[in-house]
Amino acid sequence: MASTIDAVTIINKASQLLGDASQTYWTAGELLGWLNDAQTEIALLIPNSNTATTAIQLVAGAKQIAPEDSIRIIEFTRNMGSTGLLSGNAIRQIERKVLDRYMPNWSYDTPNAVVVHAMYNAEDDNETFYVWPPQPVTPTYIEIVYSQRPVLISDMNVGTKITIDDYYQNPLLDYVLYRAFGRGTESAGNYQRSQDHYKMFADILSIKHEADRNANNNIPTK
């Protein structure tokens, strides 16, 4: 869902809360940089905060590369044929060690355009995944859901939106205030304000993560 909130709205609100509406001490450029940092931080901590569902073309063989703007792959959904437009069989994600044990030759098995299994471990390598059977010389497409790096906000013109979902506007604001007060840590009061805003930022994301997990746990598995 496209955002409806202008980046400048959050930045101006931060300036008001900082008591620096003229953006003299904390400049507009600094605040914009921290807003971009906040979006990236949220995307790293909450994988579904900025997702993309898209068909990607594989390469020949078993070893594959995630999209360049991927933080991590969330799900492998289905085969999408030779053009990326034809819905095909579902893909089952499994642990690589399962195939290592029962099918040691899986990485050089007979190629087939239809992917049956995908293997991916973001803890080990969030840019690489494997498919079985290996892809032929003319590879096919599959559909994936992945956590996408937020597009950088380039300016503070009216109409330039934040690039993650609107409901993250409060943690975005808290993160900007955390970084801003953190720059003035020569004051004990500013240091405490900085820590308080980071705690609010983290608490909101923790609540969101827990709510998502509970919702997922309620989905029937049979």
N, C-alpha and C. Protein backbone atom coordinates (compact mmCIF):
# COMPACT_ATOMS: atom_id res chain seq x y z
N MET A 1 0.84 -1.19 0.00
CA MET A 1 0.00 0.00 0.00
C MET A 1 0.88 1.25 0.00
N ALA A 2 0.64 2.15 -0.91
CA ALA A 2 1.44 3.37 -1.01
C ALA A 2 1.19 4.27 0.19
N SER A 3 2.25 4.90 0.66
CA SER A 3 2.12 5.81 1.80
C SER A 3 1.39 7.08 1.39
N THR A 4 0.72 7.66 2.37
CA THR A 4 0.03 8.94 2.15
C THR A 4 0.63 10.06 2.98
N ILE A 5 1.70 9.78 3.72
CA ILE A 5 2.27 10.75 4.65
C ILE A 5 3.52 11.38 4.06
N ASP A 6 3.54 12.69 4.02
CA ASP A 6 4.72 13.40 3.54
C ASP A 6 5.85 13.29 4.56
N ALA A 7 7.05 13.09 4.05
CA ALA A 7 8.21 13.03 4.94
C ALA A 7 8.37 14.32 5.72
N VAL A 8 8.09 15.45 5.08
CA VAL A 8 8.27 16.74 5.74
C VAL A 8 7.33 16.89 6.93
N THR A 9 6.20 16.19 6.92
CA THR A 9 5.28 16.25 8.06
C THR A 9 5.94 15.69 9.31
N ILE A 10 6.62 14.56 9.17
CA ILE A 10 7.30 13.94 10.31
C ILE A 10 8.49 14.80 10.74
N ILE A 11 9.22 15.33 9.79
CA ILE A 11 10.39 16.15 10.11
C ILE A 11 9.99 17.43 10.83
N ASN A 12 8.93 18.08 10.37
CA ASN A 12 8.48 19.30 11.03
C ASN A 12 7.96 19.02 12.44
N LYS A 13 7.30 17.89 12.60
CA LYS A 13 6.81 17.51 13.93
C LYS A 13 7.99 17.27 14.87
N ALA A 14 9.04 16.61 14.35
CA ALA A 14 10.24 16.39 15.16
C ALA A 14 10.86 17.73 15.56
N SER A 15 10.95 18.67 14.64
CA SER A 15 11.53 19.97 14.94
C SER A 15 10.75 20.70 16.03
N GLN A 16 9.43 20.61 15.97
CA GLN A 16 8.60 21.24 16.99
C GLN A 16 8.84 20.61 18.36
N LEU A 17 8.92 19.28 18.41
CA LEU A 17 9.14 18.59 19.68
C LEU A 17 10.55 18.84 20.21
N LEU A 18 11.47 19.12 19.34
CA LEU A 18 12.84 19.45 19.74
C LEU A 18 12.97 20.90 20.19
N GLY A 19 11.91 21.68 19.99
CA GLY A 19 11.99 23.10 20.30
C GLY A 19 12.88 23.86 19.35
N ASP A 20 12.94 23.40 18.11
CA ASP A 20 13.83 23.98 17.11
C ASP A 20 13.08 24.06 15.78
N ALA A 21 11.93 24.75 15.80
CA ALA A 21 11.07 24.81 14.62
C ALA A 21 11.79 25.43 13.42
N SER A 22 12.77 26.27 13.67
CA SER A 22 13.50 26.90 12.58
C SER A 22 14.59 25.99 12.01
N GLN A 23 14.77 24.83 12.64
CA GLN A 23 15.77 23.84 12.20
C GLN A 23 17.16 24.47 12.13
N THR A 24 17.48 25.19 13.22
CA THR A 24 18.77 25.86 13.32
C THR A 24 19.84 24.93 13.90
N TYR A 25 19.51 24.29 15.04
CA TYR A 25 20.47 23.40 15.69
C TYR A 25 20.48 22.03 15.03
N TRP A 26 19.28 21.48 14.82
CA TRP A 26 19.15 20.21 14.11
C TRP A 26 18.66 20.54 12.71
N THR A 27 19.51 20.45 11.73
CA THR A 27 19.18 20.91 10.39
C THR A 27 18.21 19.94 9.69
N ALA A 28 17.55 20.47 8.67
CA ALA A 28 16.60 19.66 7.91
C ALA A 28 17.29 18.46 7.28
N GLY A 29 18.52 18.67 6.79
CA GLY A 29 19.26 17.57 6.17
C GLY A 29 19.57 16.46 7.16
N GLU A 30 19.96 16.85 8.39
CA GLU A 30 20.21 15.83 9.42
C GLU A 30 18.95 15.04 9.71
N LEU A 31 17.85 15.73 9.90
CA LEU A 31 16.60 15.07 10.24
C LEU A 31 16.15 14.12 9.12
N LEU A 32 16.34 14.55 7.87
CA LEU A 32 15.98 13.68 6.75
C LEU A 32 16.86 12.43 6.74
N GLY A 33 18.15 12.59 7.01
CA GLY A 33 19.04 11.43 7.07
C GLY A 33 18.61 10.45 8.14
N TRP A 34 18.21 10.95 9.30
CA TRP A 34 17.77 10.07 10.37
C TRP A 34 16.44 9.41 10.05
N LEU A 35 15.59 10.12 9.30
CA LEU A 35 14.33 9.52 8.88
C LEU A 35 14.59 8.35 7.94
N ASN A 36 15.53 8.52 7.03
CA ASN A 36 15.90 7.40 6.15
C ASN A 36 16.51 6.25 6.95
N ASP A 37 17.34 6.58 7.93
CA ASP A 37 17.90 5.53 8.80
C ASP A 37 16.80 4.79 9.53
N ALA A 38 15.79 5.52 9.98
CA ALA A 38 14.68 4.90 10.71
C ALA A 38 13.92 3.91 9.84
N GLN A 39 13.69 4.28 8.60
CA GLN A 39 12.99 3.36 7.70
C GLN A 39 13.78 2.06 7.51
N THR A 40 15.10 2.20 7.32
CA THR A 40 15.94 1.02 7.13
C THR A 40 15.96 0.17 8.40
N GLU A 41 16.05 0.82 9.57
CA GLU A 41 16.07 0.09 10.83
C GLU A 41 14.78 -0.71 11.02
N ILE A 42 13.65 -0.11 10.69
CA ILE A 42 12.37 -0.80 10.81
C ILE A 42 12.31 -1.99 9.86
N ALA A 43 12.76 -1.79 8.64
CA ALA A 43 12.74 -2.89 7.67
C ALA A 43 13.62 -4.05 8.11
N LEU A 44 14.74 -3.75 8.78
CA LEU A 44 15.62 -4.80 9.28
C LEU A 44 14.98 -5.57 10.42
N LEU A 45 14.26 -4.85 11.29
CA LEU A 45 13.70 -5.48 12.49
C LEU A 45 12.34 -6.14 12.24
N ILE A 46 11.56 -5.58 11.33
CA ILE A 46 10.22 -6.09 11.04
C ILE A 46 10.17 -6.46 9.56
N PRO A 47 10.41 -7.73 9.22
CA PRO A 47 10.53 -8.12 7.80
C PRO A 47 9.33 -7.76 6.95
N ASN A 48 8.11 -7.77 7.54
CA ASN A 48 6.94 -7.49 6.70
C ASN A 48 6.58 -6.01 6.65
N SER A 49 7.48 -5.14 7.13
CA SER A 49 7.18 -3.71 7.12
C SER A 49 7.28 -3.11 5.73
N ASN A 50 8.04 -3.76 4.86
CA ASN A 50 8.21 -3.23 3.50
C ASN A 50 8.49 -4.41 2.57
N THR A 51 7.43 -5.09 2.18
CA THR A 51 7.58 -6.32 1.40
C THR A 51 7.25 -6.10 -0.07
N ALA A 52 7.79 -6.99 -0.88
CA ALA A 52 7.48 -7.02 -2.30
C ALA A 52 7.19 -8.47 -2.69
N THR A 53 6.16 -8.66 -3.49
CA THR A 53 5.84 -9.97 -4.05
C THR A 53 6.06 -9.87 -5.54
N THR A 54 7.01 -10.63 -6.04
CA THR A 54 7.38 -10.45 -7.45
C THR A 54 7.91 -11.75 -8.04
N ALA A 55 7.83 -11.83 -9.36
CA ALA A 55 8.41 -12.97 -10.09
C ALA A 55 9.85 -12.62 -10.45
N ILE A 56 10.77 -13.51 -10.11
CA ILE A 56 12.18 -13.30 -10.46
C ILE A 56 12.65 -14.41 -11.38
N GLN A 57 13.52 -14.06 -12.31
CA GLN A 57 14.08 -15.08 -13.21
C GLN A 57 15.29 -15.72 -12.54
N LEU A 58 15.30 -17.03 -12.53
CA LEU A 58 16.41 -17.76 -11.96
C LEU A 58 17.57 -17.84 -12.96
N VAL A 59 18.67 -18.44 -12.54
CA VAL A 59 19.80 -18.67 -13.44
C VAL A 59 20.03 -20.17 -13.52
N ALA A 60 20.78 -20.60 -14.51
CA ALA A 60 21.04 -22.03 -14.67
C ALA A 60 21.76 -22.59 -13.44
N GLY A 61 21.36 -23.81 -13.06
CA GLY A 61 21.99 -24.45 -11.92
C GLY A 61 21.15 -24.39 -10.66
N ALA A 62 21.76 -24.78 -9.54
CA ALA A 62 21.05 -24.84 -8.26
C ALA A 62 21.19 -23.54 -7.46
N LYS A 63 22.33 -22.90 -7.54
CA LYS A 63 22.60 -21.72 -6.73
C LYS A 63 21.97 -20.48 -7.36
N GLN A 64 21.25 -19.72 -6.53
CA GLN A 64 20.52 -18.55 -7.01
C GLN A 64 20.83 -17.35 -6.12
N ILE A 65 20.52 -16.15 -6.64
CA ILE A 65 20.80 -14.92 -5.92
C ILE A 65 19.50 -14.14 -5.70
N ALA A 66 19.32 -13.65 -4.48
CA ALA A 66 18.14 -12.84 -4.14
C ALA A 66 18.19 -11.51 -4.88
N PRO A 67 17.06 -10.83 -5.03
CA PRO A 67 17.07 -9.51 -5.67
C PRO A 67 18.02 -8.54 -4.97
N GLU A 68 18.57 -7.60 -5.71
CA GLU A 68 19.57 -6.68 -5.17
C GLU A 68 19.03 -5.85 -4.01
N ASP A 69 17.74 -5.54 -4.02
CA ASP A 69 17.17 -4.70 -2.96
C ASP A 69 16.55 -5.53 -1.84
N SER A 70 16.91 -6.80 -1.77
CA SER A 70 16.35 -7.69 -0.76
C SER A 70 17.12 -7.61 0.55
N ILE A 71 16.39 -7.52 1.66
CA ILE A 71 16.98 -7.68 2.98
C ILE A 71 16.99 -9.15 3.34
N ARG A 72 15.86 -9.81 3.15
CA ARG A 72 15.79 -11.26 3.31
C ARG A 72 14.54 -11.76 2.58
N ILE A 73 14.60 -12.99 2.12
CA ILE A 73 13.43 -13.60 1.49
C ILE A 73 12.51 -14.13 2.58
N ILE A 74 11.23 -13.87 2.45
CA ILE A 74 10.25 -14.31 3.45
C ILE A 74 9.60 -15.61 3.03
N GLU A 75 9.30 -15.75 1.72
CA GLU A 75 8.58 -16.94 1.27
C GLU A 75 8.83 -17.18 -0.22
N PHE A 76 8.91 -18.45 -0.57
CA PHE A 76 8.90 -18.88 -1.98
C PHE A 76 7.49 -19.41 -2.23
N THR A 77 6.78 -18.82 -3.17
CA THR A 77 5.37 -19.18 -3.32
C THR A 77 5.10 -20.18 -4.43
N ARG A 78 5.50 -19.87 -5.68
CA ARG A 78 5.08 -20.73 -6.78
C ARG A 78 5.98 -20.55 -8.00
N ASN A 79 5.90 -21.50 -8.89
CA ASN A 79 6.54 -21.38 -10.19
C ASN A 79 5.73 -20.42 -11.06
N MET A 80 6.43 -19.70 -11.93
CA MET A 80 5.77 -18.71 -12.77
C MET A 80 6.12 -18.86 -14.25
N GLY A 81 6.57 -20.03 -14.66
CA GLY A 81 6.76 -20.31 -16.07
C GLY A 81 7.93 -19.59 -16.71
N SER A 82 7.99 -19.66 -18.02
CA SER A 82 9.12 -19.13 -18.77
C SER A 82 9.05 -17.62 -18.99
N THR A 83 7.89 -17.02 -18.68
CA THR A 83 7.72 -15.57 -18.88
C THR A 83 7.52 -14.81 -17.58
N GLY A 84 7.29 -15.52 -16.49
CA GLY A 84 6.98 -14.87 -15.23
C GLY A 84 5.52 -14.50 -15.09
N LEU A 85 4.70 -14.96 -16.02
CA LEU A 85 3.28 -14.59 -16.03
C LEU A 85 2.35 -15.78 -15.86
N LEU A 86 2.90 -16.98 -15.89
CA LEU A 86 2.06 -18.19 -15.86
C LEU A 86 2.16 -18.86 -14.49
N SER A 87 1.05 -18.88 -13.78
CA SER A 87 1.04 -19.49 -12.45
C SER A 87 1.23 -20.99 -12.54
N GLY A 88 2.15 -21.53 -11.71
CA GLY A 88 2.44 -22.96 -11.74
C GLY A 88 2.42 -23.58 -10.35
N ASN A 89 3.08 -24.69 -10.20
CA ASN A 89 3.07 -25.44 -8.96
C ASN A 89 3.66 -24.64 -7.80
N ALA A 90 3.14 -24.94 -6.60
CA ALA A 90 3.67 -24.34 -5.39
C ALA A 90 5.09 -24.84 -5.14
N ILE A 91 5.85 -24.04 -4.41
CA ILE A 91 7.23 -24.37 -4.05
C ILE A 91 7.29 -24.63 -2.55
N ARG A 92 7.95 -25.69 -2.17
CA ARG A 92 8.09 -26.02 -0.75
C ARG A 92 9.49 -25.68 -0.29
N GLN A 93 9.59 -24.86 0.74
CA GLN A 93 10.90 -24.52 1.28
C GLN A 93 11.30 -25.57 2.33
N ILE A 94 12.51 -26.07 2.20
CA ILE A 94 13.02 -27.06 3.14
C ILE A 94 14.43 -26.68 3.56
N GLU A 95 14.93 -27.31 4.60
CA GLU A 95 16.31 -27.09 5.02
C GLU A 95 17.26 -27.84 4.09
N ARG A 96 18.36 -27.20 3.77
CA ARG A 96 19.30 -27.81 2.83
C ARG A 96 19.85 -29.13 3.35
N LYS A 97 20.02 -29.25 4.66
CA LYS A 97 20.60 -30.47 5.22
C LYS A 97 19.70 -31.68 5.00
N VAL A 98 18.40 -31.45 4.76
CA VAL A 98 17.50 -32.56 4.46
C VAL A 98 17.89 -33.20 3.14
N LEU A 99 18.07 -32.37 2.11
CA LEU A 99 18.51 -32.91 0.82
C LEU A 99 19.94 -33.42 0.89
N ASP A 100 20.78 -32.75 1.66
CA ASP A 100 22.16 -33.22 1.81
C ASP A 100 22.18 -34.67 2.31
N ARG A 101 21.25 -34.97 3.19
CA ARG A 101 21.24 -36.31 3.80
C ARG A 101 20.64 -37.36 2.88
N TYR A 102 19.50 -37.03 2.26
CA TYR A 102 18.77 -38.04 1.51
C TYR A 102 19.04 -38.01 0.00
N MET A 103 19.62 -36.90 -0.48
CA MET A 103 19.88 -36.78 -1.92
C MET A 103 21.18 -36.00 -2.10
N PRO A 104 22.32 -36.61 -1.79
CA PRO A 104 23.59 -35.87 -1.81
C PRO A 104 23.93 -35.24 -3.16
N ASN A 105 23.35 -35.74 -4.21
CA ASN A 105 23.66 -35.21 -5.55
C ASN A 105 22.69 -34.13 -5.99
N TRP A 106 21.90 -33.58 -5.07
CA TRP A 106 20.83 -32.68 -5.46
C TRP A 106 21.32 -31.47 -6.25
N SER A 107 22.54 -30.98 -5.94
CA SER A 107 23.00 -29.74 -6.58
C SER A 107 23.39 -29.95 -8.04
N TYR A 108 23.65 -31.21 -8.46
CA TYR A 108 23.96 -31.47 -9.86
C TYR A 108 23.05 -32.55 -10.43
N ASP A 109 21.85 -32.65 -9.84
CA ASP A 109 20.85 -33.58 -10.35
C ASP A 109 20.39 -33.12 -11.75
N THR A 110 19.57 -33.94 -12.40
CA THR A 110 19.05 -33.60 -13.74
C THR A 110 18.26 -32.30 -13.69
N PRO A 111 18.60 -31.31 -14.49
CA PRO A 111 17.89 -30.03 -14.47
C PRO A 111 16.42 -30.19 -14.86
N ASN A 112 15.60 -29.32 -14.28
CA ASN A 112 14.18 -29.27 -14.62
C ASN A 112 13.70 -27.85 -14.36
N ALA A 113 12.90 -27.33 -15.27
CA ALA A 113 12.47 -25.94 -15.15
C ALA A 113 11.52 -25.72 -13.99
N VAL A 114 10.82 -26.77 -13.53
CA VAL A 114 9.84 -26.62 -12.45
C VAL A 114 10.54 -26.82 -11.10
N VAL A 115 10.52 -25.80 -10.27
CA VAL A 115 11.14 -25.86 -8.95
C VAL A 115 10.23 -26.61 -7.99
N VAL A 116 10.77 -27.59 -7.30
CA VAL A 116 10.02 -28.34 -6.29
C VAL A 116 10.36 -27.84 -4.90
N HIS A 117 11.66 -27.68 -4.61
CA HIS A 117 12.11 -27.24 -3.30
C HIS A 117 13.01 -26.02 -3.43
N ALA A 118 12.88 -25.12 -2.46
CA ALA A 118 13.80 -24.00 -2.32
C ALA A 118 14.46 -24.10 -0.95
N MET A 119 15.74 -23.78 -0.89
CA MET A 119 16.51 -23.85 0.35
C MET A 119 17.14 -22.50 0.62
N TYR A 120 16.89 -21.97 1.82
CA TYR A 120 17.34 -20.61 2.14
C TYR A 120 17.49 -20.48 3.65
N ASN A 121 18.60 -19.91 4.07
CA ASN A 121 18.83 -19.67 5.49
C ASN A 121 19.41 -18.27 5.64
N ALA A 122 18.56 -17.33 6.06
CA ALA A 122 18.99 -15.93 6.14
C ALA A 122 20.07 -15.72 7.19
N GLU A 123 20.13 -16.59 8.19
CA GLU A 123 21.17 -16.46 9.21
C GLU A 123 22.55 -16.73 8.63
N ASP A 124 22.62 -17.67 7.71
CA ASP A 124 23.91 -18.02 7.10
C ASP A 124 24.28 -17.09 5.95
N ASP A 125 23.30 -16.80 5.10
CA ASP A 125 23.57 -15.99 3.91
C ASP A 125 22.22 -15.51 3.39
N ASN A 126 21.91 -14.25 3.62
CA ASN A 126 20.58 -13.77 3.21
C ASN A 126 20.51 -13.36 1.75
N GLU A 127 21.62 -13.53 0.99
CA GLU A 127 21.60 -13.16 -0.42
C GLU A 127 21.54 -14.37 -1.35
N THR A 128 21.78 -15.56 -0.82
CA THR A 128 21.86 -16.76 -1.66
C THR A 128 20.80 -17.77 -1.27
N PHE A 129 20.21 -18.41 -2.27
CA PHE A 129 19.33 -19.55 -2.02
C PHE A 129 19.58 -20.60 -3.08
N TYR A 130 19.04 -21.80 -2.87
CA TYR A 130 19.23 -22.91 -3.79
C TYR A 130 17.87 -23.48 -4.18
N VAL A 131 17.82 -24.05 -5.36
CA VAL A 131 16.59 -24.71 -5.82
C VAL A 131 16.89 -26.13 -6.26
N TRP A 132 15.87 -26.96 -6.12
CA TRP A 132 15.93 -28.32 -6.64
C TRP A 132 14.61 -28.62 -7.33
N PRO A 133 14.70 -29.19 -8.52
CA PRO A 133 15.89 -29.54 -9.30
C PRO A 133 16.65 -28.29 -9.75
N PRO A 134 17.92 -28.47 -10.12
CA PRO A 134 18.66 -27.33 -10.68
C PRO A 134 17.96 -26.83 -11.95
N GLN A 135 18.14 -25.56 -12.22
CA GLN A 135 17.54 -24.98 -13.40
C GLN A 135 18.31 -25.36 -14.67
N PRO A 136 17.58 -25.49 -15.78
CA PRO A 136 18.24 -25.79 -17.07
C PRO A 136 18.96 -24.56 -17.61
N VAL A 137 19.57 -24.72 -18.77
CA VAL A 137 20.31 -23.62 -19.40
C VAL A 137 19.39 -22.43 -19.65
N THR A 138 18.15 -22.72 -20.04
CA THR A 138 17.16 -21.65 -20.19
C THR A 138 16.29 -21.67 -18.93
N PRO A 139 16.59 -20.81 -17.97
CA PRO A 139 15.90 -20.88 -16.68
C PRO A 139 14.50 -20.30 -16.73
N THR A 140 13.76 -20.55 -15.65
CA THR A 140 12.38 -20.12 -15.56
C THR A 140 12.23 -19.05 -14.48
N TYR A 141 11.00 -18.69 -14.18
CA TYR A 141 10.69 -17.70 -13.15
C TYR A 141 10.00 -18.37 -11.96
N ILE A 142 10.23 -17.80 -10.78
CA ILE A 142 9.45 -18.18 -9.61
C ILE A 142 8.97 -16.90 -8.93
N GLU A 143 7.94 -17.04 -8.12
CA GLU A 143 7.43 -15.90 -7.36
C GLU A 143 7.92 -16.00 -5.92
N ILE A 144 8.41 -14.89 -5.39
CA ILE A 144 8.85 -14.84 -4.00
C ILE A 144 8.24 -13.63 -3.30
N VAL A 145 8.20 -13.71 -1.99
CA VAL A 145 7.87 -12.56 -1.14
C VAL A 145 9.15 -12.23 -0.38
N TYR A 146 9.56 -10.97 -0.44
CA TYR A 146 10.79 -10.62 0.25
C TYR A 146 10.69 -9.27 0.93
N SER A 147 11.51 -9.12 1.97
CA SER A 147 11.63 -7.84 2.67
C SER A 147 12.55 -6.94 1.86
N GLN A 148 12.02 -5.79 1.49
CA GLN A 148 12.70 -4.92 0.53
C GLN A 148 13.31 -3.71 1.24
N ARG A 149 14.53 -3.36 0.85
CA ARG A 149 15.13 -2.16 1.42
C ARG A 149 14.29 -0.95 1.03
N PRO A 150 13.92 -0.11 2.00
CA PRO A 150 13.11 1.06 1.66
C PRO A 150 13.85 1.99 0.71
N VAL A 151 13.11 2.55 -0.21
CA VAL A 151 13.68 3.56 -1.11
C VAL A 151 14.00 4.80 -0.29
N LEU A 152 15.18 5.37 -0.51
CA LEU A 152 15.56 6.57 0.23
C LEU A 152 14.65 7.73 -0.12
N ILE A 153 14.28 8.49 0.90
CA ILE A 153 13.50 9.71 0.69
C ILE A 153 14.48 10.77 0.23
N SER A 154 14.25 11.33 -0.93
CA SER A 154 15.25 12.20 -1.56
C SER A 154 15.14 13.66 -1.17
N ASP A 155 13.96 14.10 -0.76
CA ASP A 155 13.79 15.52 -0.46
C ASP A 155 12.61 15.70 0.51
N MET A 156 12.40 16.92 0.92
CA MET A 156 11.32 17.23 1.86
C MET A 156 10.26 18.11 1.23
N ASN A 157 10.12 17.98 -0.07
CA ASN A 157 9.08 18.73 -0.75
C ASN A 157 7.71 18.17 -0.39
N VAL A 158 6.73 19.04 -0.35
CA VAL A 158 5.36 18.58 -0.14
C VAL A 158 5.01 17.61 -1.25
N GLY A 159 4.50 16.44 -0.89
CA GLY A 159 4.17 15.41 -1.86
C GLY A 159 5.18 14.27 -1.90
N THR A 160 6.36 14.48 -1.29
CA THR A 160 7.35 13.39 -1.19
C THR A 160 7.01 12.56 0.04
N LYS A 161 6.61 11.33 -0.20
CA LYS A 161 6.08 10.49 0.88
C LYS A 161 7.18 9.66 1.54
N ILE A 162 6.90 9.22 2.77
CA ILE A 162 7.73 8.17 3.34
C ILE A 162 7.54 6.93 2.47
N THR A 163 8.48 6.00 2.55
CA THR A 163 8.42 4.87 1.61
C THR A 163 8.16 3.54 2.30
N ILE A 164 7.71 3.58 3.58
CA ILE A 164 7.16 2.39 4.22
C ILE A 164 5.75 2.73 4.66
N ASP A 165 5.02 1.76 5.19
CA ASP A 165 3.60 1.95 5.49
C ASP A 165 3.35 3.08 6.49
N ASP A 166 2.20 3.72 6.32
CA ASP A 166 1.83 4.87 7.15
C ASP A 166 1.84 4.57 8.65
N TYR A 167 1.45 3.34 9.03
CA TYR A 167 1.30 3.09 10.47
C TYR A 167 2.64 3.02 11.19
N TYR A 168 3.74 3.22 10.48
CA TYR A 168 5.05 3.33 11.14
C TYR A 168 5.44 4.78 11.40
N GLN A 169 4.53 5.72 11.21
CA GLN A 169 4.90 7.12 11.36
C GLN A 169 5.34 7.46 12.78
N ASN A 170 4.72 6.85 13.80
CA ASN A 170 5.12 7.15 15.18
C ASN A 170 6.51 6.61 15.51
N PRO A 171 6.81 5.33 15.22
CA PRO A 171 8.19 4.90 15.48
C PRO A 171 9.22 5.64 14.63
N LEU A 172 8.84 6.07 13.42
CA LEU A 172 9.76 6.89 12.62
C LEU A 172 10.09 8.18 13.36
N LEU A 173 9.07 8.81 13.91
CA LEU A 173 9.27 10.05 14.66
C LEU A 173 10.14 9.80 15.89
N ASP A 174 9.85 8.73 16.62
CA ASP A 174 10.63 8.44 17.81
C ASP A 174 12.10 8.19 17.47
N TYR A 175 12.35 7.52 16.36
CA TYR A 175 13.74 7.25 15.98
C TYR A 175 14.46 8.55 15.64
N VAL A 176 13.81 9.44 14.91
CA VAL A 176 14.44 10.72 14.58
C VAL A 176 14.76 11.49 15.86
N LEU A 177 13.83 11.48 16.83
CA LEU A 177 14.07 12.18 18.09
C LEU A 177 15.18 11.52 18.91
N TYR A 178 15.24 10.20 18.85
CA TYR A 178 16.33 9.47 19.51
C TYR A 178 17.68 9.92 18.98
N ARG A 179 17.80 10.00 17.65
CA ARG A 179 19.08 10.39 17.05
C ARG A 179 19.37 11.88 17.32
N ALA A 180 18.33 12.71 17.28
CA ALA A 180 18.53 14.14 17.47
C ALA A 180 18.98 14.44 18.90
N PHE A 181 18.26 13.93 19.88
CA PHE A 181 18.66 14.15 21.27
C PHE A 181 20.00 13.48 21.56
N GLY A 182 20.30 12.39 20.86
CA GLY A 182 21.58 11.72 21.05
C GLY A 182 22.75 12.56 20.61
N ARG A 183 22.51 13.50 19.70
CA ARG A 183 23.60 14.39 19.27
C ARG A 183 23.92 15.43 20.33
N GLY A 184 23.01 15.63 21.25
CA GLY A 184 23.24 16.62 22.31
C GLY A 184 23.48 15.95 23.65
N THR A 185 24.26 14.88 23.66
CA THR A 185 24.44 14.10 24.89
C THR A 185 25.34 14.78 25.91
N GLU A 186 25.83 15.99 25.60
CA GLU A 186 26.55 16.72 26.64
C GLU A 186 25.60 17.11 27.77
N SER A 187 24.33 17.08 27.48
CA SER A 187 23.31 17.32 28.50
C SER A 187 22.74 15.99 28.97
N ALA A 188 22.73 15.78 30.30
CA ALA A 188 22.17 14.54 30.85
C ALA A 188 20.70 14.41 30.48
N GLY A 189 20.00 15.54 30.44
CA GLY A 189 18.58 15.51 30.08
C GLY A 189 18.37 15.05 28.66
N ASN A 190 19.22 15.52 27.75
CA ASN A 190 19.09 15.11 26.34
C ASN A 190 19.41 13.63 26.18
N TYR A 191 20.41 13.16 26.92
CA TYR A 191 20.75 11.74 26.84
C TYR A 191 19.56 10.89 27.27
N GLN A 192 18.90 11.27 28.35
CA GLN A 192 17.75 10.50 28.82
C GLN A 192 16.60 10.56 27.82
N ARG A 193 16.38 11.72 27.25
CA ARG A 193 15.32 11.85 26.24
C ARG A 193 15.63 10.94 25.05
N SER A 194 16.89 10.92 24.66
CA SER A 194 17.28 10.05 23.55
C SER A 194 16.95 8.60 23.85
N GLN A 195 17.31 8.13 25.03
CA GLN A 195 17.05 6.75 25.40
C GLN A 195 15.56 6.46 25.51
N ASP A 196 14.80 7.42 26.02
CA ASP A 196 13.35 7.24 26.14
C ASP A 196 12.70 7.07 24.77
N HIS A 197 13.14 7.86 23.81
CA HIS A 197 12.54 7.76 22.47
C HIS A 197 12.95 6.46 21.78
N TYR A 198 14.18 6.01 22.02
CA TYR A 198 14.54 4.72 21.42
C TYR A 198 13.71 3.59 22.04
N LYS A 199 13.46 3.68 23.34
CA LYS A 199 12.64 2.65 23.99
C LYS A 199 11.23 2.65 23.41
N MET A 200 10.67 3.83 23.17
CA MET A 200 9.33 3.90 22.57
C MET A 200 9.35 3.32 21.16
N PHE A 201 10.39 3.63 20.41
CA PHE A 201 10.57 3.07 19.06
C PHE A 201 10.60 1.55 19.12
N ALA A 202 11.43 1.01 20.00
CA ALA A 202 11.59 -0.45 20.10
C ALA A 202 10.32 -1.11 20.62
N ASP A 203 9.65 -0.47 21.58
CA ASP A 203 8.44 -1.05 22.16
C ASP A 203 7.32 -1.18 21.12
N ILE A 204 7.16 -0.16 20.30
CA ILE A 204 6.12 -0.20 19.27
C ILE A 204 6.40 -1.33 18.28
N LEU A 205 7.66 -1.47 17.88
CA LEU A 205 8.00 -2.54 16.93
C LEU A 205 7.82 -3.91 17.57
N SER A 206 8.13 -4.02 18.86
CA SER A 206 7.95 -5.29 19.56
C SER A 206 6.48 -5.68 19.62
N ILE A 207 5.63 -4.71 19.88
CA ILE A 207 4.19 -4.97 19.91
C ILE A 207 3.69 -5.40 18.54
N LYS A 208 4.17 -4.73 17.49
CA LYS A 208 3.78 -5.09 16.13
C LYS A 208 4.23 -6.51 15.81
N HIS A 209 5.47 -6.85 16.17
CA HIS A 209 5.99 -8.19 15.88
C HIS A 209 5.17 -9.25 16.62
N GLU A 210 4.84 -8.99 17.87
CA GLU A 210 4.07 -9.96 18.66
C GLU A 210 2.67 -10.14 18.08
N ALA A 211 2.04 -9.04 17.65
CA ALA A 211 0.71 -9.12 17.06
C ALA A 211 0.74 -9.93 15.76
N ASP A 212 1.76 -9.73 14.95
CA ASP A 212 1.89 -10.49 13.70
C ASP A 212 2.08 -11.98 13.99
N ARG A 213 2.90 -12.28 15.00
CA ARG A 213 3.15 -13.68 15.34
C ARG A 213 1.88 -14.35 15.85
N ASN A 214 1.12 -13.65 16.67
CA ASN A 214 -0.13 -14.21 17.19
C ASN A 214 -1.13 -14.45 16.07
N ALA A 215 -1.19 -13.50 15.13
CA ALA A 215 -2.11 -13.67 14.00
C ALA A 215 -1.72 -14.87 13.16
N ASN A 216 -0.43 -15.06 12.96
CA ASN A 216 0.05 -16.19 12.17
C ASN A 216 -0.23 -17.52 12.87
N ASN A 217 -0.12 -17.52 14.21
CA ASN A 217 -0.36 -18.74 14.98
C ASN A 217 -1.82 -19.17 14.92
N ASN A 218 -2.71 -18.24 14.59
CA ASN A 218 -4.14 -18.55 14.54
C ASN A 218 -4.58 -19.09 13.18
N ILE A 219 -3.65 -19.15 12.21
CA ILE A 219 -4.00 -19.68 10.90
C ILE A 219 -4.06 -21.20 10.97
N PRO A 220 -5.17 -21.82 10.55
CA PRO A 220 -5.26 -23.30 10.57
C PRO A 220 -4.17 -23.93 9.72
N THR A 221 -3.61 -25.03 10.21
CA THR A 221 -2.56 -25.74 9.47
C THR A 221 -3.06 -26.98 8.78
N LYS A 222 -4.31 -27.32 8.99
CA LYS A 222 -4.90 -28.49 8.34
C LYS A 222 -6.16 -28.11 7.59
